[in-house]
PDB file of N, CA and C in Angstrom:
ATOM      1  N   UNK A   1      70.067  97.745 107.756  1.00  0.00           N
ATOM      2  CA  UNK A   1      71.261  97.662 108.418  1.00  0.00           C
ATOM      3  C   UNK A   1      70.667  96.022 108.985  1.00  0.00           C
ATOM      4  N   UNK A   2      69.344  95.406 108.833  1.00  0.00           N
ATOM      5  CA  UNK A   2      69.504  94.252 108.772  1.00  0.00           C
ATOM      6  C   UNK A   2      70.376  93.235 107.594  1.00  0.00           C
ATOM      7  N   UNK A   3      70.361  93.665 106.827  1.00  0.00           N
ATOM      8  CA  UNK A   3      71.313  92.541 105.929  1.00  0.00           C
ATOM      9  C   UNK A   3      72.328  92.834 106.707  1.00  0.00           C
ATOM     10  N   UNK A   4      73.017  93.986 106.831  1.00  0.00           N
ATOM     11  CA  UNK A   4      74.307  94.341 107.447  1.00  0.00           C
ATOM     12  C   UNK A   4      74.566  92.909 108.797  1.00  0.00           C
ATOM     13  N   UNK A   5      73.589  92.793 109.281  1.00  0.00           N
ATOM     14  CA  UNK A   5      73.717  92.582 110.819  1.00  0.00           C
ATOM     15  C   UNK A   5      73.690  90.703 110.607  1.00  0.00           C
ATOM     16  N   UNK A   6      73.194  90.624 109.218  1.00  0.00           N
ATOM     17  CA  UNK A   6      73.107  89.250 108.785  1.00  0.00           C
ATOM     18  C   UNK A   6      74.296  88.762 108.224  1.00  0.00           C
ATOM     19  N   UNK A   7      75.261  89.207 107.719  1.00  0.00           N
ATOM     20  CA  UNK A   7      76.493  88.802 107.022  1.00  0.00           C
ATOM     21  C   UNK A   7      76.950  88.911 108.623  1.00  0.00           C
ATOM     22  N   UNK A   8      76.850  89.690 109.077  1.00  0.00           N
ATOM     23  CA  UNK A   8      77.913  89.565 110.350  1.00  0.00           C
ATOM     24  C   UNK A   8      77.534  88.074 110.826  1.00  0.00           C
ATOM     25  N   UNK A   9      76.573  87.921 111.653  1.00  0.00           N
ATOM     26  CA  UNK A   9      76.168  86.398 112.496  1.00  0.00           C
ATOM     27  C   UNK A   9      76.509  85.563 111.618  1.00  0.00           C
ATOM     28  N   UNK A  10      76.517  85.597 110.182  1.00  0.00           N
ATOM     29  CA  UNK A  10      77.285  83.983 109.284  1.00  0.00           C
ATOM     30  C   UNK A  10      78.589  84.371 109.146  1.00  0.00           C
ATOM     31  N   UNK A  11      79.400  84.903 110.015  1.00  0.00           N
ATOM     32  CA  UNK A  11      80.730  84.912 110.371  1.00  0.00           C
ATOM     33  C   UNK A  11      80.883  83.951 111.133  1.00  0.00           C
ATOM     34  N   UNK A  12      82.466  83.355 110.636  1.00  0.00           N
ATOM     35  CA  UNK A  12      82.664  81.906 111.677  1.00  0.00           C
ATOM     36  C   UNK A  12      84.428  82.102 111.847  1.00  0.00           C
ATOM     37  N   UNK A  13      85.164  82.815 111.306  1.00  0.00           N
ATOM     38  CA  UNK A  13      86.015  83.125 110.954  1.00  0.00           C
ATOM     39  C   UNK A  13      86.431  84.881 111.187  1.00  0.00           C
ATOM     40  N   UNK A  14      87.106  85.039 111.971  1.00  0.00           N
ATOM     41  CA  UNK A  14      87.742  86.386 112.306  1.00  0.00           C
ATOM     42  C   UNK A  14      89.385  86.853 111.799  1.00  0.00           C
ATOM     43  N   UNK A  15      89.231  87.827 110.898  1.00  0.00           N
ATOM     44  CA  UNK A  15      91.092  87.282 110.877  1.00  0.00           C
ATOM     45  C   UNK A  15      91.492  89.018 111.228  1.00  0.00           C
ATOM     46  N   UNK A  16      92.597  89.011 111.950  1.00  0.00           N
ATOM     47  CA  UNK A  16      93.071  89.862 112.610  1.00  0.00           C
ATOM     48  C   UNK A  16      94.226  90.326 111.905  1.00  0.00           C
ATOM     49  N   UNK A  17      94.246  91.409 110.687  1.00  0.00           N
ATOM     50  CA  UNK A  17      95.515  91.226 109.977  1.00  0.00           C
ATOM     51  C   UNK A  17      96.680  92.067 110.659  1.00  0.00           C
ATOM     52  N   UNK A  18      96.479  92.965 111.292  1.00  0.00           N
ATOM     53  CA  UNK A  18      97.505  92.887 112.557  1.00  0.00           C
ATOM     54  C   UNK A  18      98.495  92.018 113.066  1.00  0.00           C
ATOM     55  N   UNK A  19      97.660  90.926 113.621  1.00  0.00           N
ATOM     56  CA  UNK A  19      98.564  90.331 114.262  1.00  0.00           C
ATOM     57  C   UNK A  19      99.601  89.342 113.550  1.00  0.00           C
ATOM     58  N   UNK A  20      98.415  89.160 111.781  1.00  0.00           N
ATOM     59  CA  UNK A  20      99.356  88.048 110.970  1.00  0.00           C
ATOM     60  C   UNK A  20     100.386  88.646 110.963  1.00  0.00           C
ATOM     61  N   UNK A  21     100.462  90.156 110.256  1.00  0.00           N
ATOM     62  CA  UNK A  21     101.502  91.119 109.893  1.00  0.00           C
ATOM     63  C   UNK A  21     102.388  90.964 110.541  1.00  0.00           C
ATOM     64  N   UNK A  22     102.155  91.031 112.275  1.00  0.00           N
ATOM     65  CA  UNK A  22     103.584  90.682 113.448  1.00  0.00           C
ATOM     66  C   UNK A  22     103.952  89.543 113.043  1.00  0.00           C
ATOM     67  N   UNK A  23     102.949  88.520 112.883  1.00  0.00           N
ATOM     68  CA  UNK A  23     103.743  87.312 113.217  1.00  0.00           C
ATOM     69  C   UNK A  23     104.556  86.832 112.427  1.00  0.00           C
ATOM     70  N   UNK A  24     103.938  87.332 110.589  1.00  0.00           N
ATOM     71  CA  UNK A  24     105.281  86.621 109.468  1.00  0.00           C
ATOM     72  C   UNK A  24     106.425  87.396 109.984  1.00  0.00           C
ATOM     73  N   UNK A  25     106.279  89.199 110.274  1.00  0.00           N
ATOM     74  CA  UNK A  25     107.846  89.821 110.406  1.00  0.00           C
ATOM     75  C   UNK A  25     108.387  88.855 111.649  1.00  0.00           C
ATOM     76  N   UNK A  26     108.036  88.417 112.391  1.00  0.00           N
ATOM     77  CA  UNK A  26     108.782  87.386 113.136  1.00  0.00           C
ATOM     78  C   UNK A  26     109.347  86.457 112.592  1.00  0.00           C
ATOM     79  N   UNK A  27     108.376  85.705 111.846  1.00  0.00           N
ATOM     80  CA  UNK A  27     108.937  84.392 111.216  1.00  0.00           C
ATOM     81  C   UNK A  27     109.931  85.088 109.687  1.00  0.00           C
ATOM     82  N   UNK A  28     110.138  85.710 109.821  1.00  0.00           N
ATOM     83  CA  UNK A  28     110.998  86.453 108.225  1.00  0.00           C
ATOM     84  C   UNK A  28     112.137  87.115 109.053  1.00  0.00           C
ATOM     85  N   UNK A  29     112.056  87.760 110.373  1.00  0.00           N
ATOM     86  CA  UNK A  29     113.525  87.789 111.126  1.00  0.00           C
ATOM     87  C   UNK A  29     114.054  86.733 111.374  1.00  0.00           C
ATOM     88  N   UNK A  30     113.184  85.928 112.327  1.00  0.00           N
ATOM     89  CA  UNK A  30     113.900  84.226 112.334  1.00  0.00           C
ATOM     90  C   UNK A  30     114.345  83.686 110.998  1.00  0.00           C
ATOM     91  N   UNK A  31     113.833  83.409 110.216  1.00  0.00           N
ATOM     92  CA  UNK A  31     114.377  83.168 109.075  1.00  0.00           C
ATOM     93  C   UNK A  31     115.846  83.827 108.463  1.00  0.00           C
ATOM     94  N   UNK A  32     115.576  85.115 108.393  1.00  0.00           N
ATOM     95  CA  UNK A  32     116.767  85.967 108.120  1.00  0.00           C
ATOM     96  C   UNK A  32     117.965  85.709 109.000  1.00  0.00           C
ATOM     97  N   UNK A  33     117.626  85.721 110.277  1.00  0.00           N
ATOM     98  CA  UNK A  33     118.754  85.618 111.375  1.00  0.00           C
ATOM     99  C   UNK A  33     119.957  84.049 111.016  1.00  0.00           C
ATOM    100  N   UNK A  34     118.724  83.702 111.097  1.00  0.00           N
ATOM    101  CA  UNK A  34     119.101  81.636 110.694  1.00  0.00           C
ATOM    102  C   UNK A  34     119.961  81.791 109.934  1.00  0.00           C
ATOM    103  N   UNK A  35     119.793  81.919 108.945  1.00  0.00           N
ATOM    104  CA  UNK A  35     120.554  82.404 107.429  1.00  0.00           C
ATOM    105  C   UNK A  35     122.194  83.256 107.204  1.00  0.00           C
ATOM    106  N   UNK A  36     121.782  84.277 108.395  1.00  0.00           N
ATOM    107  CA  UNK A  36     122.690  85.134 108.246  1.00  0.00           C
ATOM    108  C   UNK A  36     123.500  84.068 109.106  1.00  0.00           C
ATOM    109  N   UNK A  37     123.507  83.999 110.132  1.00  0.00           N
ATOM    110  CA  UNK A  37     124.221  82.663 111.415  1.00  0.00           C
ATOM    111  C   UNK A  37     124.771  82.092 110.685  1.00  0.00           C
ATOM    112  N   UNK A  38     124.211  80.697 109.400  1.00  0.00           N
ATOM    113  CA  UNK A  38     124.987  79.922 108.637  1.00  0.00           C
ATOM    114  C   UNK A  38     125.552  80.106 108.268  1.00  0.00           C
ATOM    115  N   UNK A  39     125.261  81.245 106.976  1.00  0.00           N
ATOM    116  CA  UNK A  39     127.066  82.154 106.084  1.00  0.00           C
ATOM    117  C   UNK A  39     127.818  82.525 106.747  1.00  0.00           C
ATOM    118  N   UNK A  40     127.805  83.534 108.409  1.00  0.00           N
ATOM    119  CA  UNK A  40     129.071  83.863 109.215  1.00  0.00           C
ATOM    120  C   UNK A  40     129.692  82.449 109.468  1.00  0.00           C
ATOM    121  N   UNK A  41     128.850  81.613 109.890  1.00  0.00           N
ATOM    122  CA  UNK A  41     129.541  80.006 110.680  1.00  0.00           C
ATOM    123  C   UNK A  41     130.345  79.299 109.127  1.00  0.00           C
ATOM    124  N   UNK A  42     130.133  79.882 107.797  1.00  0.00           N
ATOM    125  CA  UNK A  42     130.832  78.688 106.468  1.00  0.00           C
ATOM    126  C   UNK A  42     129.817  77.597 106.036  1.00  0.00           C
ATOM    127  N   UNK A  43     128.913  77.881 106.970  1.00  0.00           N
ATOM    128  CA  UNK A  43     128.059  76.772 106.216  1.00  0.00           C
ATOM    129  C   UNK A  43     126.888  77.195 104.725  1.00  0.00           C
ATOM    130  N   UNK A  44     126.157  75.824 104.748  1.00  0.00           N
ATOM    131  CA  UNK A  44     125.765  76.665 102.976  1.00  0.00           C
ATOM    132  C   UNK A  44     124.034  76.087 103.590  1.00  0.00           C
TER     133      UNK A  44
END
């Protein structure tokens, strides 16, 4: 148990994978939408 506490105390950065996944999903969605709009307008 002491070893576990020591490891947790040494953490500086905590990553929330769910938030990262949601953020990336929004970025990709926006990028795809912009690409589709550009192609629909005849742009490249």
